[in-house]
């Protein structure tokens, strides 16, 4: 059970409008969203920080960063949501999914552009910095606007992990398990 109970329907008009805008038709709002909606101010700020819109990255690039960041932070909740909703859509294979959750990435198993994304996640997670060698590799594949988005994406999903893990939000029923992790449910 989550440490803070999610809001129950009927939702306020403002919260319902956000749910209607971000959730696919017929899919109820995620527990993370209904839990954060306990504070409409926090939920509005959280939703404003989301980067799932059409930005400068491909959906696969975004998902690699999100999935690796969730795995590094032991965020089974958000990992489960993203693997369930997006893994097939972005062409992640079962072995790639397993690799994203591994303690260390074997960069040779990934195309150079994807390997540097995963290295970026690992470096930011470990020290909140991008070493020069990683930066140089990053700039050979991505422009300034993309790099800013990548850093924001990794940071945002670390924040998601703080919420999901800190509040012990129960995994969604449809969520995929995080390999090597013990479910909190």
C-alpha atoms as a PDB file:
ATOM      1  CA  UNK A   1       0.000   0.000   0.000  1.00  0.00           C
ATOM      2  CA  UNK A   2       1.282   3.432  -0.912  1.00  0.00           C
ATOM      3  CA  UNK A   3       2.346   5.618   2.012  1.00  0.00           C
ATOM      4  CA  UNK A   4      -0.036   8.310   0.745  1.00  0.00           C
ATOM      5  CA  UNK A   5      -3.381   7.139  -0.572  1.00  0.00           C
ATOM      6  CA  UNK A   6      -4.222   8.119  -4.155  1.00  0.00           C
ATOM      7  CA  UNK A   7      -7.137  10.453  -4.754  1.00  0.00           C
ATOM      8  CA  UNK A   8     -10.305   8.674  -5.798  1.00  0.00           C
ATOM      9  CA  UNK A   9     -12.824   9.711  -8.444  1.00  0.00           C
ATOM     10  CA  UNK A  10     -14.569  11.965  -8.942  1.00  0.00           C
ATOM     11  CA  UNK A  11     -11.426  14.062  -9.429  1.00  0.00           C
ATOM     12  CA  UNK A  12     -11.388  17.832  -9.315  1.00  0.00           C
ATOM     13  CA  UNK A  13     -12.079  19.458 -12.672  1.00  0.00           C
ATOM     14  CA  UNK A  14      -8.444  20.584 -13.030  1.00  0.00           C
ATOM     15  CA  UNK A  15      -6.995  17.161 -12.206  1.00  0.00           C
ATOM     16  CA  UNK A  16      -9.477  15.368 -14.463  1.00  0.00           C
ATOM     17  CA  UNK A  17      -8.531  17.681 -17.330  1.00  0.00           C
ATOM     18  CA  UNK A  18      -4.857  16.728 -16.935  1.00  0.00           C
ATOM     19  CA  UNK A  19      -5.696  13.010 -16.736  1.00  0.00           C
ATOM     20  CA  UNK A  20      -7.805  13.318 -19.881  1.00  0.00           C
ATOM     21  CA  UNK A  21      -4.954  15.035 -21.705  1.00  0.00           C
ATOM     22  CA  UNK A  22      -2.170  12.596 -20.779  1.00  0.00           C
ATOM     23  CA  UNK A  23      -3.851   9.199 -20.498  1.00  0.00           C
ATOM     24  CA  UNK A  24      -4.922   7.155 -23.523  1.00  0.00           C
ATOM     25  CA  UNK A  25      -8.702   6.831 -23.925  1.00  0.00           C
ATOM     26  CA  UNK A  26     -10.116   4.128 -21.696  1.00  0.00           C
ATOM     27  CA  UNK A  27      -6.973   3.825 -19.552  1.00  0.00           C
ATOM     28  CA  UNK A  28      -7.407   4.944 -15.948  1.00  0.00           C
ATOM     29  CA  UNK A  29      -4.846   7.378 -14.533  1.00  0.00           C
ATOM     30  CA  UNK A  30      -1.685   5.807 -13.158  1.00  0.00           C
ATOM     31  CA  UNK A  31      -1.294   5.384  -9.393  1.00  0.00           C
ATOM     32  CA  UNK A  32       1.681   7.715  -9.488  1.00  0.00           C
ATOM     33  CA  UNK A  33      -0.516  10.459 -10.935  1.00  0.00           C
ATOM     34  CA  UNK A  34      -3.445   9.907  -8.572  1.00  0.00           C
ATOM     35  CA  UNK A  35      -1.079   9.822  -5.596  1.00  0.00           C
ATOM     36  CA  UNK A  36       0.671  13.047  -6.575  1.00  0.00           C
ATOM     37  CA  UNK A  37      -2.743  14.628  -7.189  1.00  0.00           C
ATOM     38  CA  UNK A  38      -3.187  14.641  -3.380  1.00  0.00           C
ATOM     39  CA  UNK A  39      -1.408  17.961  -3.800  1.00  0.00           C
ATOM     40  CA  UNK A  40      -2.752  19.595  -6.943  1.00  0.00           C
ATOM     41  CA  UNK A  41       0.103  22.102  -6.806  1.00  0.00           C
ATOM     42  CA  UNK A  42       2.770  19.356  -6.726  1.00  0.00           C
ATOM     43  CA  UNK A  43       0.973  17.406  -9.435  1.00  0.00           C
ATOM     44  CA  UNK A  44       0.760  20.481 -11.716  1.00  0.00           C
ATOM     45  CA  UNK A  45       4.492  21.123 -11.237  1.00  0.00           C
ATOM     46  CA  UNK A  46       5.289  17.453 -11.820  1.00  0.00           C
ATOM     47  CA  UNK A  47       3.184  17.307 -14.970  1.00  0.00           C
ATOM     48  CA  UNK A  48       4.750  20.507 -16.287  1.00  0.00           C
ATOM     49  CA  UNK A  49       8.189  18.858 -16.052  1.00  0.00           C
ATOM     50  CA  UNK A  50       7.252  15.840 -18.145  1.00  0.00           C
ATOM     51  CA  UNK A  51       9.239  15.276 -21.336  1.00  0.00           C
ATOM     52  CA  UNK A  52       7.083  12.694 -23.084  1.00  0.00           C
ATOM     53  CA  UNK A  53       6.059  15.154 -25.752  1.00  0.00           C
ATOM     54  CA  UNK A  54       7.628  15.235 -29.210  1.00  0.00           C
ATOM     55  CA  UNK A  55      10.965  16.762 -28.416  1.00  0.00           C
ATOM     56  CA  UNK A  56      14.307  16.576 -30.154  1.00  0.00           C
ATOM     57  CA  UNK A  57      14.849  12.883 -29.372  1.00  0.00           C
ATOM     58  CA  UNK A  58      13.310   9.794 -30.895  1.00  0.00           C
ATOM     59  CA  UNK A  59      10.918   7.774 -28.771  1.00  0.00           C
ATOM     60  CA  UNK A  60      13.508   4.983 -28.573  1.00  0.00           C
ATOM     61  CA  UNK A  61      16.208   7.388 -27.375  1.00  0.00           C
ATOM     62  CA  UNK A  62      13.890   8.740 -24.686  1.00  0.00           C
ATOM     63  CA  UNK A  63      12.892   5.264 -23.588  1.00  0.00           C
ATOM     64  CA  UNK A  64      16.507   4.103 -23.304  1.00  0.00           C
ATOM     65  CA  UNK A  65      17.246   7.022 -20.978  1.00  0.00           C
ATOM     66  CA  UNK A  66      14.040   6.546 -18.988  1.00  0.00           C
ATOM     67  CA  UNK A  67      14.448   2.783 -18.633  1.00  0.00           C
ATOM     68  CA  UNK A  68      18.125   2.957 -17.667  1.00  0.00           C
ATOM     69  CA  UNK A  69      17.488   5.764 -15.174  1.00  0.00           C
ATOM     70  CA  UNK A  70      14.598   3.820 -13.614  1.00  0.00           C
ATOM     71  CA  UNK A  71      16.732   0.673 -13.380  1.00  0.00           C
ATOM     72  CA  UNK A  72      19.678   2.524 -11.822  1.00  0.00           C
ATOM     73  CA  UNK A  73      17.327   3.979  -9.213  1.00  0.00           C
ATOM     74  CA  UNK A  74      15.602   0.651  -8.510  1.00  0.00           C
ATOM     75  CA  UNK A  75      12.304   2.185  -9.574  1.00  0.00           C
ATOM     76  CA  UNK A  76      10.272  -0.925 -10.315  1.00  0.00           C
ATOM     77  CA  UNK A  77       7.047   1.089 -10.527  1.00  0.00           C
ATOM     78  CA  UNK A  78       8.070   3.370 -13.412  1.00  0.00           C
ATOM     79  CA  UNK A  79      10.171   0.688 -15.095  1.00  0.00           C
ATOM     80  CA  UNK A  80       7.068  -1.502 -15.202  1.00  0.00           C
ATOM     81  CA  UNK A  81       4.929   1.221 -16.759  1.00  0.00           C
ATOM     82  CA  UNK A  82       7.453   2.155 -19.434  1.00  0.00           C
ATOM     83  CA  UNK A  83       8.393  -1.386 -20.405  1.00  0.00           C
ATOM     84  CA  UNK A  84       4.702  -2.329 -20.631  1.00  0.00           C
ATOM     85  CA  UNK A  85       3.698   0.746 -22.676  1.00  0.00           C
ATOM     86  CA  UNK A  86       6.754   1.436 -24.806  1.00  0.00           C
ATOM     87  CA  UNK A  87       9.270  -1.441 -25.056  1.00  0.00           C
ATOM     88  CA  UNK A  88       7.572  -3.157 -27.971  1.00  0.00           C
ATOM     89  CA  UNK A  89       6.729   0.146 -29.616  1.00  0.00           C
ATOM     90  CA  UNK A  90      10.402   1.185 -29.703  1.00  0.00           C
ATOM     91  CA  UNK A  91      11.652  -2.251 -30.688  1.00  0.00           C
ATOM     92  CA  UNK A  92      13.384  -3.254 -27.460  1.00  0.00           C
ATOM     93  CA  UNK A  93      14.225  -6.949 -27.530  1.00  0.00           C
ATOM     94  CA  UNK A  94      13.988  -9.127 -24.400  1.00  0.00           C
ATOM     95  CA  UNK A  95      17.797  -9.193 -24.186  1.00  0.00           C
ATOM     96  CA  UNK A  96      17.978  -5.389 -24.483  1.00  0.00           C
ATOM     97  CA  UNK A  97      15.393  -5.046 -21.717  1.00  0.00           C
ATOM     98  CA  UNK A  98      17.470  -7.325 -19.486  1.00  0.00           C
ATOM     99  CA  UNK A  99      20.635  -5.392 -20.372  1.00  0.00           C
ATOM    100  CA  UNK A 100      19.034  -2.057 -19.449  1.00  0.00           C
ATOM    101  CA  UNK A 101      18.482  -3.390 -15.925  1.00  0.00           C
ATOM    102  CA  UNK A 102      21.969  -4.906 -15.552  1.00  0.00           C
ATOM    103  CA  UNK A 103      24.373  -3.403 -13.012  1.00  0.00           C
ATOM    104  CA  UNK A 104      26.753  -2.466 -15.839  1.00  0.00           C
ATOM    105  CA  UNK A 105      26.112  -1.787 -19.503  1.00  0.00           C
ATOM    106  CA  UNK A 106      28.219  -3.642 -22.059  1.00  0.00           C
ATOM    107  CA  UNK A 107      28.599  -0.777 -24.479  1.00  0.00           C
ATOM    108  CA  UNK A 108      29.795  -2.986 -27.338  1.00  0.00           C
ATOM    109  CA  UNK A 109      26.342  -4.620 -27.374  1.00  0.00           C
ATOM    110  CA  UNK A 110      24.712  -1.318 -28.381  1.00  0.00           C
ATOM    111  CA  UNK A 111      25.061   0.972 -31.404  1.00  0.00           C
ATOM    112  CA  UNK A 112      27.467   3.836 -30.553  1.00  0.00           C
ATOM    113  CA  UNK A 113      24.676   6.435 -30.355  1.00  0.00           C
ATOM    114  CA  UNK A 114      22.692   4.301 -27.887  1.00  0.00           C
ATOM    115  CA  UNK A 115      25.755   3.224 -25.898  1.00  0.00           C
ATOM    116  CA  UNK A 116      26.609   6.852 -25.150  1.00  0.00           C
ATOM    117  CA  UNK A 117      23.038   7.499 -23.960  1.00  0.00           C
ATOM    118  CA  UNK A 118      23.362   4.639 -21.494  1.00  0.00           C
ATOM    119  CA  UNK A 119      26.842   5.826 -20.420  1.00  0.00           C
ATOM    120  CA  UNK A 120      25.351   9.284 -19.836  1.00  0.00           C
ATOM    121  CA  UNK A 121      22.702   7.795 -17.535  1.00  0.00           C
ATOM    122  CA  UNK A 122      25.321   5.854 -15.604  1.00  0.00           C
ATOM    123  CA  UNK A 123      27.606   8.896 -15.224  1.00  0.00           C
ATOM    124  CA  UNK A 124      24.808  11.216 -14.114  1.00  0.00           C
ATOM    125  CA  UNK A 125      23.536   8.615 -11.668  1.00  0.00           C
ATOM    126  CA  UNK A 126      26.964   7.953 -10.183  1.00  0.00           C
ATOM    127  CA  UNK A 127      28.256  11.494  -9.806  1.00  0.00           C
ATOM    128  CA  UNK A 128      25.771  14.012 -11.253  1.00  0.00           C
ATOM    129  CA  UNK A 129      28.465  14.909 -13.774  1.00  0.00           C
ATOM    130  CA  UNK A 130      29.409  14.158 -17.374  1.00  0.00           C
ATOM    131  CA  UNK A 131      33.123  13.320 -17.686  1.00  0.00           C
ATOM    132  CA  UNK A 132      34.971  14.782 -20.672  1.00  0.00           C
ATOM    133  CA  UNK A 133      35.240  11.448 -22.507  1.00  0.00           C
ATOM    134  CA  UNK A 134      31.486  10.898 -22.244  1.00  0.00           C
ATOM    135  CA  UNK A 135      30.811  14.508 -23.257  1.00  0.00           C
ATOM    136  CA  UNK A 136      32.994  14.180 -26.341  1.00  0.00           C
ATOM    137  CA  UNK A 137      31.179  11.007 -27.402  1.00  0.00           C
ATOM    138  CA  UNK A 138      27.810  12.605 -26.672  1.00  0.00           C
ATOM    139  CA  UNK A 139      28.525  15.644 -28.834  1.00  0.00           C
ATOM    140  CA  UNK A 140      29.438  13.469 -31.819  1.00  0.00           C
ATOM    141  CA  UNK A 141      25.873  12.131 -31.875  1.00  0.00           C
ATOM    142  CA  UNK A 142      23.712  14.854 -30.325  1.00  0.00           C
ATOM    143  CA  UNK A 143      23.340  18.632 -30.557  1.00  0.00           C
ATOM    144  CA  UNK A 144      23.054  21.090 -27.686  1.00  0.00           C
ATOM    145  CA  UNK A 145      19.252  21.041 -27.572  1.00  0.00           C
ATOM    146  CA  UNK A 146      19.202  17.244 -27.491  1.00  0.00           C
ATOM    147  CA  UNK A 147      21.845  17.097 -24.752  1.00  0.00           C
ATOM    148  CA  UNK A 148      19.853  19.515 -22.612  1.00  0.00           C
ATOM    149  CA  UNK A 149      16.781  17.338 -23.121  1.00  0.00           C
ATOM    150  CA  UNK A 150      18.738  14.184 -22.229  1.00  0.00           C
ATOM    151  CA  UNK A 151      19.981  15.680 -18.966  1.00  0.00           C
ATOM    152  CA  UNK A 152      16.496  16.955 -18.092  1.00  0.00           C
ATOM    153  CA  UNK A 153      14.991  13.555 -18.931  1.00  0.00           C
ATOM    154  CA  UNK A 154      17.413  11.660 -16.690  1.00  0.00           C
ATOM    155  CA  UNK A 155      16.844  14.164 -13.888  1.00  0.00           C
ATOM    156  CA  UNK A 156      13.079  14.059 -14.233  1.00  0.00           C
ATOM    157  CA  UNK A 157      12.976  10.274 -14.023  1.00  0.00           C
ATOM    158  CA  UNK A 158      15.258  10.312 -11.002  1.00  0.00           C
ATOM    159  CA  UNK A 159      12.608  12.542  -9.430  1.00  0.00           C
ATOM    160  CA  UNK A 160       9.937  10.049 -10.528  1.00  0.00           C
ATOM    161  CA  UNK A 161      11.962   7.351  -8.753  1.00  0.00           C
ATOM    162  CA  UNK A 162      12.064   9.466  -5.593  1.00  0.00           C
ATOM    163  CA  UNK A 163       8.280   9.730  -5.626  1.00  0.00           C
ATOM    164  CA  UNK A 164       7.542   6.112  -6.563  1.00  0.00           C
ATOM    165  CA  UNK A 165      10.123   4.569  -4.243  1.00  0.00           C
ATOM    166  CA  UNK A 166       9.765   7.053  -1.402  1.00  0.00           C
ATOM    167  CA  UNK A 167       5.983   6.718  -1.334  1.00  0.00           C
ATOM    168  CA  UNK A 168       6.143   2.954  -1.979  1.00  0.00           C
ATOM    169  CA  UNK A 169       3.585   3.248  -4.753  1.00  0.00           C
ATOM    170  CA  UNK A 170       2.217  -0.158  -5.668  1.00  0.00           C
ATOM    171  CA  UNK A 171       3.136  -1.359  -9.157  1.00  0.00           C
ATOM    172  CA  UNK A 172       0.437  -1.129 -11.788  1.00  0.00           C
ATOM    173  CA  UNK A 173      -1.210  -4.510 -12.478  1.00  0.00           C
ATOM    174  CA  UNK A 174      -0.023  -4.386 -16.094  1.00  0.00           C
ATOM    175  CA  UNK A 175       3.537  -3.329 -15.204  1.00  0.00           C
ATOM    176  CA  UNK A 176       6.538  -5.389 -16.246  1.00  0.00           C
ATOM    177  CA  UNK A 177       8.827  -6.589 -13.454  1.00  0.00           C
ATOM    178  CA  UNK A 178      12.224  -4.965 -13.062  1.00  0.00           C
ATOM    179  CA  UNK A 179      14.739  -7.790 -13.618  1.00  0.00           C
ATOM    180  CA  UNK A 180      16.739  -8.622 -10.524  1.00  0.00           C
ATOM    181  CA  UNK A 181      14.487  -6.628  -8.225  1.00  0.00           C
ATOM    182  CA  UNK A 182      12.169  -7.799  -5.490  1.00  0.00           C
ATOM    183  CA  UNK A 183       8.662  -6.460  -6.010  1.00  0.00           C
ATOM    184  CA  UNK A 184       7.435  -4.092  -3.303  1.00  0.00           C
ATOM    185  CA  UNK A 185       3.854  -5.286  -3.735  1.00  0.00           C
END
